[in-house]
Amino acid sequence: MGRKLADLYPAKYLRARDIGPGKDVLTIEFINAETMRQNDGSVATKPVVYFKEKFGEQTKGLVLNKTNYNALLELFGEEVELDDLVGKKVKLTTVKVDVAGKTTSGVRIASDWVSDKRKK
């Protein structure tokens, strides 16, 4: 099987097309604050969750938007410390979302995922 066109410009962050069979339950490695450019050109610092699993040969992070932040709260509680999330497993899903007036696929942490595996 050959390389895909999308492989020519690999993304630093997870995209919906990265998620699939065998790549939907991931282990949190660390959470980092990163500065990134927004759609309107402004700059903001956002938390990014990185996982132990690789995507090809690349490590990719999931930008933690409010929806995914709230999913982590539901899964692990408000009192959980960042260091305690290391080694925890989360299930990722894809959903259709509107971004800047365009419908696209987004990545979500499944807040209703129940498994002993998420505990470590």
C-alpha atoms as a PDB file:
ATOM      1  CA  MET A   1       0.000   0.000   0.000  1.00  0.00           C
ATOM      2  CA  GLY A   2       1.380   3.397  -1.006  1.00  0.00           C
ATOM      3  CA  ARG A   3       1.530   6.685   0.825  1.00  0.00           C
ATOM      4  CA  LYS A   4      -1.506   8.933   0.992  1.00  0.00           C
ATOM      5  CA  LEU A   5      -1.587  12.496  -0.267  1.00  0.00           C
ATOM      6  CA  ALA A   6      -2.320  13.646   3.321  1.00  0.00           C
ATOM      7  CA  ASP A   7       1.026  12.106   4.382  1.00  0.00           C
ATOM      8  CA  LEU A   8       2.919  14.795   2.453  1.00  0.00           C
ATOM      9  CA  TYR A   9       1.991  17.431   5.049  1.00  0.00           C
ATOM     10  CA  PRO A  10       1.515  15.604   8.340  1.00  0.00           C
ATOM     11  CA  ALA A  11      -0.438  17.440  11.033  1.00  0.00           C
ATOM     12  CA  LYS A  12       0.961  18.049  14.508  1.00  0.00           C
ATOM     13  CA  TYR A  13      -2.449  17.533  16.103  1.00  0.00           C
ATOM     14  CA  LEU A  14      -4.968  14.698  15.819  1.00  0.00           C
ATOM     15  CA  ARG A  15      -7.539  14.909  13.061  1.00  0.00           C
ATOM     16  CA  ALA A  16     -10.670  12.845  12.589  1.00  0.00           C
ATOM     17  CA  ARG A  17      -9.020  10.824   9.818  1.00  0.00           C
ATOM     18  CA  ASP A  18      -6.356   9.677  12.330  1.00  0.00           C
ATOM     19  CA  ILE A  19      -8.992   7.897  14.433  1.00  0.00           C
ATOM     20  CA  GLY A  20     -10.099   4.424  13.442  1.00  0.00           C
ATOM     21  CA  PRO A  21      -9.981   0.745  14.367  1.00  0.00           C
ATOM     22  CA  GLY A  22      -7.073   0.135  16.700  1.00  0.00           C
ATOM     23  CA  LYS A  23      -6.526   3.884  17.101  1.00  0.00           C
ATOM     24  CA  ASP A  24      -9.587   4.889  19.091  1.00  0.00           C
ATOM     25  CA  VAL A  25      -8.577   3.876  22.635  1.00  0.00           C
ATOM     26  CA  LEU A  26      -5.459   5.799  23.598  1.00  0.00           C
ATOM     27  CA  THR A  27      -3.275   6.176  26.705  1.00  0.00           C
ATOM     28  CA  ILE A  28      -2.592   9.670  28.044  1.00  0.00           C
ATOM     29  CA  GLU A  29       1.147  10.388  28.227  1.00  0.00           C
ATOM     30  CA  PHE A  30       1.085  14.055  29.275  1.00  0.00           C
ATOM     31  CA  ILE A  31      -0.807  17.340  28.941  1.00  0.00           C
ATOM     32  CA  ASN A  32       1.026  20.428  27.775  1.00  0.00           C
ATOM     33  CA  ALA A  33       0.039  24.089  27.280  1.00  0.00           C
ATOM     34  CA  GLU A  34       0.839  25.231  23.736  1.00  0.00           C
ATOM     35  CA  THR A  35       0.540  28.517  21.890  1.00  0.00           C
ATOM     36  CA  MET A  36      -1.327  28.302  18.591  1.00  0.00           C
ATOM     37  CA  ARG A  37      -2.822  30.568  15.972  1.00  0.00           C
ATOM     38  CA  GLN A  38      -6.621  30.761  15.863  1.00  0.00           C
ATOM     39  CA  ASN A  39      -8.833  30.918  12.750  1.00  0.00           C
ATOM     40  CA  ASP A  40      -9.139  34.692  13.164  1.00  0.00           C
ATOM     41  CA  GLY A  41      -5.349  35.144  13.245  1.00  0.00           C
ATOM     42  CA  SER A  42      -5.093  35.747  16.995  1.00  0.00           C
ATOM     43  CA  VAL A  43      -2.827  33.655  19.216  1.00  0.00           C
ATOM     44  CA  ALA A  44      -4.034  31.632  22.215  1.00  0.00           C
ATOM     45  CA  THR A  45      -2.548  29.141  24.659  1.00  0.00           C
ATOM     46  CA  LYS A  46      -4.494  25.883  24.858  1.00  0.00           C
ATOM     47  CA  PRO A  47      -3.978  22.561  26.625  1.00  0.00           C
ATOM     48  CA  VAL A  48      -2.966  19.645  24.399  1.00  0.00           C
ATOM     49  CA  VAL A  49      -3.256  15.992  25.449  1.00  0.00           C
ATOM     50  CA  TYR A  50      -0.498  13.743  24.101  1.00  0.00           C
ATOM     51  CA  PHE A  51      -0.808   9.973  23.905  1.00  0.00           C
ATOM     52  CA  LYS A  52       1.683   7.099  24.142  1.00  0.00           C
ATOM     53  CA  GLU A  53       0.446   5.621  20.883  1.00  0.00           C
ATOM     54  CA  LYS A  54       2.052   6.833  17.658  1.00  0.00           C
ATOM     55  CA  PHE A  55       0.307   7.718  14.395  1.00  0.00           C
ATOM     56  CA  GLY A  56       2.627   6.306  11.800  1.00  0.00           C
ATOM     57  CA  GLU A  57       5.965   7.415  13.202  1.00  0.00           C
ATOM     58  CA  GLN A  58       4.530  10.624  14.617  1.00  0.00           C
ATOM     59  CA  THR A  59       3.315  11.590  18.074  1.00  0.00           C
ATOM     60  CA  LYS A  60       0.163  13.699  17.815  1.00  0.00           C
ATOM     61  CA  GLY A  61      -1.701  15.706  20.416  1.00  0.00           C
ATOM     62  CA  LEU A  62      -5.396  16.419  20.857  1.00  0.00           C
ATOM     63  CA  VAL A  63      -6.149  20.092  21.436  1.00  0.00           C
ATOM     64  CA  LEU A  64      -8.329  20.092  24.536  1.00  0.00           C
ATOM     65  CA  ASN A  65     -11.358  22.220  23.668  1.00  0.00           C
ATOM     66  CA  LYS A  66     -14.119  22.818  26.232  1.00  0.00           C
ATOM     67  CA  THR A  67     -16.129  19.810  25.031  1.00  0.00           C
ATOM     68  CA  ASN A  68     -13.202  17.409  25.451  1.00  0.00           C
ATOM     69  CA  TYR A  69     -12.210  19.082  28.728  1.00  0.00           C
ATOM     70  CA  ASN A  70     -15.713  18.442  30.067  1.00  0.00           C
ATOM     71  CA  ALA A  71     -15.492  14.821  28.900  1.00  0.00           C
ATOM     72  CA  LEU A  72     -12.280  14.357  30.925  1.00  0.00           C
ATOM     73  CA  LEU A  73     -14.040  15.853  33.965  1.00  0.00           C
ATOM     74  CA  GLU A  74     -16.911  13.380  33.553  1.00  0.00           C
ATOM     75  CA  LEU A  75     -14.542  10.444  33.185  1.00  0.00           C
ATOM     76  CA  PHE A  76     -12.050  11.230  35.940  1.00  0.00           C
ATOM     77  CA  GLY A  77     -13.624  13.866  38.199  1.00  0.00           C
ATOM     78  CA  GLU A  78     -12.885  17.515  38.933  1.00  0.00           C
ATOM     79  CA  GLU A  79     -10.331  16.746  41.634  1.00  0.00           C
ATOM     80  CA  VAL A  80      -8.016  14.646  39.459  1.00  0.00           C
ATOM     81  CA  GLU A  81      -4.504  16.060  39.168  1.00  0.00           C
ATOM     82  CA  LEU A  82      -2.809  16.292  35.783  1.00  0.00           C
ATOM     83  CA  ASP A  83      -0.085  13.835  36.818  1.00  0.00           C
ATOM     84  CA  ASP A  84      -2.782  11.316  37.788  1.00  0.00           C
ATOM     85  CA  LEU A  85      -4.104  11.323  34.211  1.00  0.00           C
ATOM     86  CA  VAL A  86      -0.840   9.844  32.914  1.00  0.00           C
ATOM     87  CA  GLY A  87      -1.510   6.217  31.959  1.00  0.00           C
ATOM     88  CA  LYS A  88      -5.295   6.654  31.850  1.00  0.00           C
ATOM     89  CA  LYS A  89      -7.083   5.458  28.734  1.00  0.00           C
ATOM     90  CA  VAL A  90      -9.695   7.397  26.788  1.00  0.00           C
ATOM     91  CA  LYS A  91     -11.832   6.447  23.822  1.00  0.00           C
ATOM     92  CA  LEU A  92     -11.927   8.883  20.916  1.00  0.00           C
ATOM     93  CA  THR A  93     -14.789   9.243  18.466  1.00  0.00           C
ATOM     94  CA  THR A  94     -15.438  11.436  15.456  1.00  0.00           C
ATOM     95  CA  VAL A  95     -18.385  13.790  15.034  1.00  0.00           C
ATOM     96  CA  LYS A  96     -19.532  16.388  12.521  1.00  0.00           C
ATOM     97  CA  VAL A  97     -18.906  19.932  13.802  1.00  0.00           C
ATOM     98  CA  ASP A  98     -19.234  23.465  12.474  1.00  0.00           C
ATOM     99  CA  VAL A  99     -15.965  25.423  12.448  1.00  0.00           C
ATOM    100  CA  ALA A 100     -15.879  28.936  11.056  1.00  0.00           C
ATOM    101  CA  GLY A 101     -19.095  28.306   9.130  1.00  0.00           C
ATOM    102  CA  LYS A 102     -17.861  25.030   7.598  1.00  0.00           C
ATOM    103  CA  THR A 103     -19.016  21.515   8.495  1.00  0.00           C
ATOM    104  CA  THR A 104     -16.059  19.233   9.146  1.00  0.00           C
ATOM    105  CA  SER A 105     -15.211  16.151  11.208  1.00  0.00           C
ATOM    106  CA  GLY A 106     -13.935  16.659  14.738  1.00  0.00           C
ATOM    107  CA  VAL A 107     -12.417  14.436  17.413  1.00  0.00           C
ATOM    108  CA  ARG A 108     -14.199  13.949  20.727  1.00  0.00           C
ATOM    109  CA  ILE A 109     -13.343  12.136  23.942  1.00  0.00           C
ATOM    110  CA  ALA A 110     -16.215   9.746  24.647  1.00  0.00           C
ATOM    111  CA  SER A 111     -17.465  10.840  28.069  1.00  0.00           C
ATOM    112  CA  ASP A 112     -19.823   7.857  28.321  1.00  0.00           C
ATOM    113  CA  TRP A 113     -17.120   5.236  27.750  1.00  0.00           C
ATOM    114  CA  VAL A 114     -17.147   2.732  30.600  1.00  0.00           C
ATOM    115  CA  SER A 115     -14.238   0.350  30.857  1.00  0.00           C
ATOM    116  CA  ASP A 116     -11.884  -0.876  33.524  1.00  0.00           C
ATOM    117  CA  LYS A 117      -9.127  -0.217  30.970  1.00  0.00           C
ATOM    118  CA  ARG A 118      -9.464   3.546  31.434  1.00  0.00           C
ATOM    119  CA  LYS A 119      -8.355   3.200  35.051  1.00  0.00           C
ATOM    120  CA  LYS A 120      -4.841   2.063  34.005  1.00  0.00           C
END
